[in-house]
Amino acid sequence: MREDRSKTRTAYFHVGMPKTGTTSIQQSFAAAREELSTNGLLYPGKSVDHADLTPAFHQRGAGHYYYTNRDIAEAEAQAIGDAALADVQADISGFDGDIIFSTEYFFDLTPESVQRMRAFFEELGFRFRVILYIRHPVDAAISHSNQDIKMGFRTLKECVDNPNYHSNKASLEAFSKVLTREQLIVRDYEAVKDHDCVQDILEVCGYRGDRSAVPTLRSNVSLTMGGAILADAHARWKNLIPDFPNRRTYIFKVTGPKFSLPDETLDRVRIASAPEVEWVEKNFDIALKEGKRSGTYSSTLSDRAVLDIVAYISTLKQPPK
């Protein structure tokens, strides 16, 4: 008869909601794998994140956009997923403590997929816990737009006219249909952001090691308003001129106020998301607050931004390629 250890070991799954510092969390845990495991918390596998568990647990399986966006055929994606799951199972079988996973591709799981994932870990003898960070839709919209413009996914005008932000309610409802309040750990991103999400997760997990030995690695660099304008222009030029230089480092050389969306756009987000914010407080006792605004929207480059670009260009020995 198998020994029941479910009361002593826990499988934590950090489900990265959009724009809640997930990459930083994953890089920090991956870099500290040895330190974590020495102190009873395993970050399984070999990759920085656990996106390759998608074929095993996500309802889209090997056809998930994580693979299709990179032109990886389903058969190959399934093989990658099977290998990742085998690596994880091998790690788990030789470990006698808690485990933690992280991926940003599970925020839209269906209740059936959540149930399948929970059953998998409970069968292995673990209690199952999901950790989610949520943030106010206004802050999410600003951050999402910043990323979209930086990567050239959307124009500045598109973000101003129709800002994107993920629905906290949609995710929480799906997980809540399967998990109890004890099993679903929901945290206010803005409330713990300065406290540090990496350290917050370690606290949630009851980590018994030296937390200072697991430093937070920062990853994404936000644009200033001037940088956003230049990134938007660069993407437009690329569309018009096929051989336009790919080098975009100059967009990060512009100082000044951080990027933000105009007040009228943010007002639309506040109005549209108000019922959701109220729902979160009613159901999870979290009163989402907007973060302190440090950005300023502008449609033109400031004098300072122009000088920054001139200074950067003057350091180049040859035109960007």
Protein backbone atom coordinates (compact mmCIF):
# COMPACT_ATOMS: atom_id res chain seq x y z
CA MET A 1 0.00 0.00 0.00
CA ARG A 2 1.39 3.42 -0.98
CA GLU A 3 2.30 5.69 1.90
CA ASP A 4 -0.01 8.71 2.07
CA ARG A 5 2.25 11.74 2.21
CA SER A 6 -0.28 14.22 0.85
CA LYS A 7 -0.53 15.94 4.22
CA THR A 8 3.17 16.78 4.33
CA ARG A 9 4.13 17.63 0.74
CA THR A 10 2.67 20.35 -1.44
CA ALA A 11 2.80 21.02 -5.18
CA TYR A 12 2.55 24.76 -5.78
CA PHE A 13 1.76 25.94 -9.29
CA HIS A 14 2.37 29.62 -9.97
CA VAL A 15 0.03 30.52 -12.82
CA GLY A 16 1.43 33.69 -14.33
CA MET A 17 -1.34 36.16 -15.09
CA PRO A 18 -0.47 38.64 -17.86
CA LYS A 19 1.78 41.51 -16.77
CA THR A 20 2.46 40.38 -13.21
CA GLY A 21 6.24 39.92 -13.31
CA THR A 22 6.16 36.25 -14.30
CA THR A 23 9.41 36.25 -16.28
CA SER A 24 11.31 37.70 -13.35
CA ILE A 25 9.86 35.08 -11.01
CA GLN A 26 10.80 32.24 -13.35
CA GLN A 27 14.34 33.45 -13.99
CA SER A 28 14.91 33.91 -10.26
CA PHE A 29 13.73 30.41 -9.38
CA ALA A 30 15.60 28.78 -12.28
CA ALA A 31 18.84 30.50 -11.27
CA ALA A 32 18.38 29.37 -7.65
CA ARG A 33 17.37 25.76 -8.35
CA GLU A 34 20.18 24.26 -6.28
CA GLU A 35 19.67 26.64 -3.37
CA LEU A 36 15.92 26.00 -3.34
CA SER A 37 16.16 22.21 -3.51
CA THR A 38 18.76 22.15 -0.73
CA ASN A 39 16.17 23.80 1.48
CA GLY A 40 13.19 21.63 0.60
CA LEU A 41 11.64 23.38 -2.41
CA LEU A 42 12.15 21.88 -5.86
CA TYR A 43 11.81 23.87 -9.09
CA PRO A 44 11.62 20.83 -11.40
CA GLY A 45 12.95 20.33 -14.90
CA LYS A 46 15.73 22.03 -16.81
CA SER A 47 14.01 25.03 -18.42
CA VAL A 48 13.50 28.52 -17.04
CA ASP A 49 9.73 27.99 -16.99
CA HIS A 50 7.32 25.07 -17.34
CA ALA A 51 5.61 26.07 -20.58
CA ASP A 52 6.42 22.67 -22.07
CA LEU A 53 3.91 21.07 -19.68
CA THR A 54 1.25 22.64 -21.91
CA PRO A 55 0.63 19.46 -23.96
CA ALA A 56 0.01 17.53 -20.73
CA PHE A 57 -2.41 19.87 -19.01
CA HIS A 58 -3.74 22.66 -21.24
CA GLN A 59 -6.98 22.06 -23.13
CA ARG A 60 -5.30 23.12 -26.39
CA GLY A 61 -2.62 20.50 -25.91
CA ALA A 62 0.18 20.39 -28.46
CA GLY A 63 -1.82 22.78 -30.64
CA HIS A 64 -1.36 25.64 -28.18
CA TYR A 65 -0.19 28.96 -29.64
CA TYR A 66 2.98 28.62 -27.57
CA TYR A 67 4.03 26.16 -30.29
CA THR A 68 2.03 27.28 -33.31
CA ASN A 69 3.42 30.82 -33.07
CA ARG A 70 6.88 29.30 -33.51
CA ASP A 71 5.75 27.03 -36.36
CA ILE A 72 6.26 23.87 -34.30
CA ALA A 73 4.07 21.04 -35.59
CA GLU A 74 1.80 19.24 -33.12
CA ALA A 75 3.73 15.98 -33.33
CA GLU A 76 6.98 17.74 -32.44
CA ALA A 77 5.27 19.80 -29.74
CA GLN A 78 3.82 16.64 -28.20
CA ALA A 79 7.26 15.02 -28.15
CA ILE A 80 8.72 18.11 -26.46
CA GLY A 81 5.91 18.06 -23.91
CA ASP A 82 6.31 14.34 -23.21
CA ALA A 83 10.04 14.81 -22.63
CA ALA A 84 9.44 17.78 -20.29
CA LEU A 85 6.87 15.83 -18.28
CA ALA A 86 9.26 12.87 -18.02
CA ASP A 87 12.02 15.17 -16.73
CA VAL A 88 9.66 16.62 -14.14
CA GLN A 89 8.47 13.21 -12.99
CA ALA A 90 12.05 12.01 -12.66
CA ASP A 91 12.95 15.03 -10.54
CA ILE A 92 9.91 14.63 -8.35
CA SER A 93 10.43 10.92 -7.75
CA GLY A 94 13.80 11.57 -6.19
CA PHE A 95 12.77 14.52 -4.04
CA ASP A 96 11.27 14.48 -0.57
CA GLY A 97 10.01 18.05 -0.21
CA ASP A 98 7.62 20.56 -1.74
CA ILE A 99 7.68 21.48 -5.42
CA ILE A 100 6.86 24.64 -7.32
CA PHE A 101 6.12 25.25 -11.00
CA SER A 102 5.59 28.41 -13.02
CA THR A 103 4.20 29.18 -16.45
CA GLU A 104 2.34 32.11 -18.00
CA TYR A 105 0.36 29.87 -20.35
CA PHE A 106 -2.14 28.41 -17.89
CA PHE A 107 -4.11 31.53 -16.94
CA ASP A 108 -6.89 30.51 -19.34
CA LEU A 109 -7.29 26.90 -18.25
CA THR A 110 -10.78 25.43 -18.33
CA PRO A 111 -12.14 23.86 -15.13
CA GLU A 112 -11.64 20.44 -16.73
CA SER A 113 -7.95 21.17 -17.28
CA VAL A 114 -7.54 22.44 -13.72
CA GLN A 115 -9.13 19.23 -12.46
CA ARG A 116 -6.79 17.11 -14.60
CA MET A 117 -3.74 18.96 -13.26
CA ARG A 118 -4.89 18.69 -9.65
CA ALA A 119 -5.59 14.97 -10.04
CA PHE A 120 -2.12 14.41 -11.49
CA PHE A 121 -0.32 15.90 -8.50
CA GLU A 122 -2.65 14.43 -5.90
CA GLU A 123 -2.07 10.99 -7.41
CA LEU A 124 1.64 11.56 -6.82
CA GLY A 125 0.89 12.23 -3.16
CA PHE A 126 0.93 16.05 -3.08
CA ARG A 127 -1.50 18.62 -1.83
CA PHE A 128 -2.21 20.92 -4.77
CA ARG A 129 -2.08 24.72 -4.56
CA VAL A 130 -2.32 27.37 -7.28
CA ILE A 131 -0.76 30.82 -6.78
CA LEU A 132 -2.15 33.73 -8.81
CA TYR A 133 -1.21 37.41 -8.78
CA ILE A 134 -3.84 39.87 -9.96
CA ARG A 135 -3.62 43.61 -10.52
CA HIS A 136 -5.98 46.49 -11.16
CA PRO A 137 -7.12 46.56 -14.83
CA VAL A 138 -5.85 50.14 -15.27
CA ASP A 139 -2.31 49.13 -14.33
CA ALA A 140 -2.59 45.97 -16.42
CA ALA A 141 -3.73 47.98 -19.45
CA ILE A 142 -0.76 50.37 -19.17
CA SER A 143 1.73 47.54 -18.75
CA HIS A 144 0.17 45.48 -21.56
CA SER A 145 0.28 48.46 -23.94
CA ASN A 146 3.88 49.17 -23.01
CA GLN A 147 4.84 45.60 -23.93
CA ASP A 148 2.79 45.55 -27.13
CA ILE A 149 4.38 48.76 -28.38
CA LYS A 150 7.88 47.70 -27.32
CA MET A 151 7.57 44.41 -29.22
CA GLY A 152 5.83 45.98 -32.22
CA PHE A 153 2.67 43.92 -31.74
CA ARG A 154 0.33 46.92 -31.80
CA THR A 155 0.58 50.60 -32.67
CA LEU A 156 0.39 53.36 -30.11
CA LYS A 157 -2.93 54.46 -31.58
CA GLU A 158 -4.37 50.95 -31.29
CA CYS A 159 -3.39 50.80 -27.64
CA VAL A 160 -4.88 54.23 -26.96
CA ASP A 161 -8.11 53.43 -28.79
CA ASN A 162 -8.54 49.87 -27.53
CA PRO A 163 -6.24 48.95 -24.61
CA ASN A 164 -5.86 45.28 -23.72
CA TYR A 165 -6.05 43.84 -20.22
CA HIS A 166 -6.80 40.34 -19.07
CA SER A 167 -9.96 39.60 -17.11
CA ASN A 168 -9.10 38.54 -13.57
CA LYS A 169 -12.63 37.29 -13.16
CA ALA A 170 -12.45 34.92 -16.13
CA SER A 171 -9.41 33.15 -14.68
CA LEU A 172 -10.58 33.14 -11.08
CA GLU A 173 -13.99 31.73 -11.94
CA ALA A 174 -12.44 28.82 -13.84
CA PHE A 175 -10.05 27.90 -11.03
CA SER A 176 -12.71 28.45 -8.35
CA LYS A 177 -14.96 25.82 -9.91
CA VAL A 178 -12.37 23.18 -9.03
CA LEU A 179 -10.29 24.52 -6.15
CA THR A 180 -11.24 25.59 -2.66
CA ARG A 181 -10.22 28.95 -1.23
CA GLU A 182 -7.39 27.16 0.60
CA GLN A 183 -6.15 25.61 -2.64
CA LEU A 184 -6.39 28.82 -4.69
CA ILE A 185 -3.98 31.41 -3.34
CA VAL A 186 -4.79 34.82 -4.83
CA ARG A 187 -2.45 37.74 -4.20
CA ASP A 188 -2.69 41.46 -4.93
CA TYR A 189 0.25 42.21 -7.23
CA GLU A 190 0.48 45.90 -6.39
CA ALA A 191 0.36 45.16 -2.66
CA VAL A 192 3.37 42.82 -2.82
CA LYS A 193 5.25 44.20 -5.86
CA ASP A 194 7.63 46.33 -3.80
CA HIS A 195 7.78 43.58 -1.20
CA ASP A 196 8.94 41.40 -4.15
CA CYS A 197 6.88 38.61 -5.69
CA VAL A 198 9.77 36.12 -5.53
CA GLN A 199 10.08 36.65 -1.80
CA ASP A 200 6.30 36.64 -1.44
CA ILE A 201 6.03 33.23 -3.11
CA LEU A 202 8.75 31.84 -0.85
CA GLU A 203 6.77 33.13 2.12
CA VAL A 204 3.57 31.55 0.80
CA CYS A 205 5.41 28.23 0.39
CA GLY A 206 6.82 28.36 3.91
CA TYR A 207 10.35 28.26 2.55
CA ARG A 208 12.76 27.42 5.35
CA GLY A 209 16.00 28.52 3.69
CA ASP A 210 17.70 31.91 3.59
CA ARG A 211 15.48 33.98 1.32
CA SER A 212 18.25 36.49 0.67
CA ALA A 213 20.09 33.67 -1.11
CA VAL A 214 17.32 33.65 -3.73
CA PRO A 215 17.72 37.10 -5.31
CA THR A 216 15.13 38.55 -7.65
CA LEU A 217 16.37 38.85 -11.21
CA ARG A 218 14.73 41.72 -13.07
CA SER A 219 14.02 41.14 -16.75
CA ASN A 220 11.59 43.33 -18.69
CA VAL A 221 12.59 46.94 -19.25
CA SER A 222 9.72 49.42 -19.47
CA LEU A 223 9.73 52.21 -22.02
CA THR A 224 9.58 55.88 -21.30
CA MET A 225 6.93 57.84 -23.17
CA GLY A 226 9.54 59.02 -25.64
CA GLY A 227 10.79 55.47 -26.08
CA ALA A 228 7.26 54.27 -26.79
CA ILE A 229 6.78 56.91 -29.49
CA LEU A 230 10.06 55.85 -31.12
CA ALA A 231 9.23 52.14 -30.84
CA ASP A 232 5.90 52.81 -32.52
CA ALA A 233 7.60 54.75 -35.30
CA HIS A 234 10.21 52.02 -35.77
CA ALA A 235 7.50 49.38 -36.21
CA ARG A 236 5.72 51.55 -38.77
CA TRP A 237 8.96 52.11 -40.71
CA LYS A 238 9.60 48.36 -40.73
CA ASN A 239 6.21 47.81 -42.32
CA LEU A 240 6.89 50.39 -45.01
CA ILE A 241 10.56 49.60 -45.68
CA PRO A 242 11.33 45.84 -45.69
CA ASP A 243 15.10 46.32 -45.25
CA PHE A 244 14.78 48.93 -42.51
CA PRO A 245 17.39 48.22 -39.77
CA ASN A 246 16.26 45.85 -37.04
CA ARG A 247 18.41 47.43 -34.37
CA ARG A 248 16.08 49.03 -31.82
CA THR A 249 18.31 49.62 -28.81
CA TYR A 250 17.95 53.39 -29.18
CA ILE A 251 14.37 53.22 -27.90
CA PHE A 252 15.75 52.35 -24.46
CA LYS A 253 18.17 55.30 -24.49
CA VAL A 254 15.41 57.86 -24.09
CA THR A 255 14.98 59.19 -20.56
CA GLY A 256 12.03 61.05 -19.12
CA PRO A 257 8.61 60.13 -17.74
CA LYS A 258 7.50 56.52 -18.03
CA PHE A 259 4.98 55.49 -20.62
CA SER A 260 1.30 55.83 -19.78
CA LEU A 261 -2.01 55.91 -21.60
CA PRO A 262 -4.04 59.14 -21.85
CA ASP A 263 -6.52 59.95 -19.12
CA GLU A 264 -9.55 59.41 -21.35
CA THR A 265 -8.34 55.89 -22.19
CA LEU A 266 -7.76 55.06 -18.55
CA ASP A 267 -11.20 56.39 -17.67
CA ARG A 268 -12.75 53.98 -20.17
CA VAL A 269 -10.84 51.10 -18.60
CA ARG A 270 -11.98 52.13 -15.10
CA ILE A 271 -15.62 52.24 -16.14
CA ALA A 272 -15.52 48.99 -18.08
CA SER A 273 -13.66 47.09 -15.35
CA ALA A 274 -15.52 48.45 -12.31
CA PRO A 275 -17.90 45.45 -12.05
CA GLU A 276 -14.95 43.06 -12.16
CA VAL A 277 -13.04 44.99 -9.48
CA GLU A 278 -16.15 44.85 -7.30
CA TRP A 279 -16.54 41.11 -7.96
CA VAL A 280 -12.93 40.42 -6.91
CA GLU A 281 -13.39 42.27 -3.63
CA LYS A 282 -16.67 40.50 -2.90
CA ASN A 283 -15.37 37.02 -3.64
CA PHE A 284 -11.71 37.22 -2.60
CA ASP A 285 -11.57 40.09 -0.11
CA ILE A 286 -9.02 41.91 -2.25
CA ALA A 287 -9.67 45.59 -2.86
CA LEU A 288 -7.66 46.21 -6.02
CA LYS A 289 -6.12 49.67 -6.06
CA GLU A 290 -4.40 51.44 -8.89
CA GLY A 291 -0.66 51.72 -8.46
CA LYS A 292 1.04 55.07 -8.01
CA ARG A 293 1.12 56.70 -11.43
CA SER A 294 4.63 57.70 -12.50
CA GLY A 295 4.04 57.90 -16.25
CA THR A 296 2.77 60.71 -18.42
CA TYR A 297 1.15 60.34 -21.81
CA SER A 298 2.37 62.46 -24.69
CA SER A 299 1.96 62.24 -28.46
CA THR A 300 5.20 64.07 -29.27
CA LEU A 301 8.85 63.72 -28.31
CA SER A 302 10.06 66.08 -25.62
CA ASP A 303 13.16 68.24 -26.10
CA ARG A 304 14.95 65.92 -23.67
CA ALA A 305 14.05 62.85 -25.75
CA VAL A 306 15.38 64.47 -28.93
CA LEU A 307 18.68 65.29 -27.20
CA ASP A 308 18.95 61.71 -25.92
CA ILE A 309 18.57 60.34 -29.43
CA VAL A 310 21.08 62.81 -30.88
CA ALA A 311 23.56 61.86 -28.15
CA TYR A 312 23.06 58.16 -28.88
CA ILE A 313 23.45 58.55 -32.65
CA SER A 314 26.67 60.50 -32.15
CA THR A 315 28.20 57.48 -30.39
CA LEU A 316 27.63 55.19 -33.37
CA LYS A 317 30.59 54.49 -35.58
CA GLN A 318 28.35 53.37 -38.41
CA PRO A 319 24.63 53.41 -39.20
CA PRO A 320 22.58 50.71 -37.43
CA LYS A 321 22.15 47.52 -39.42
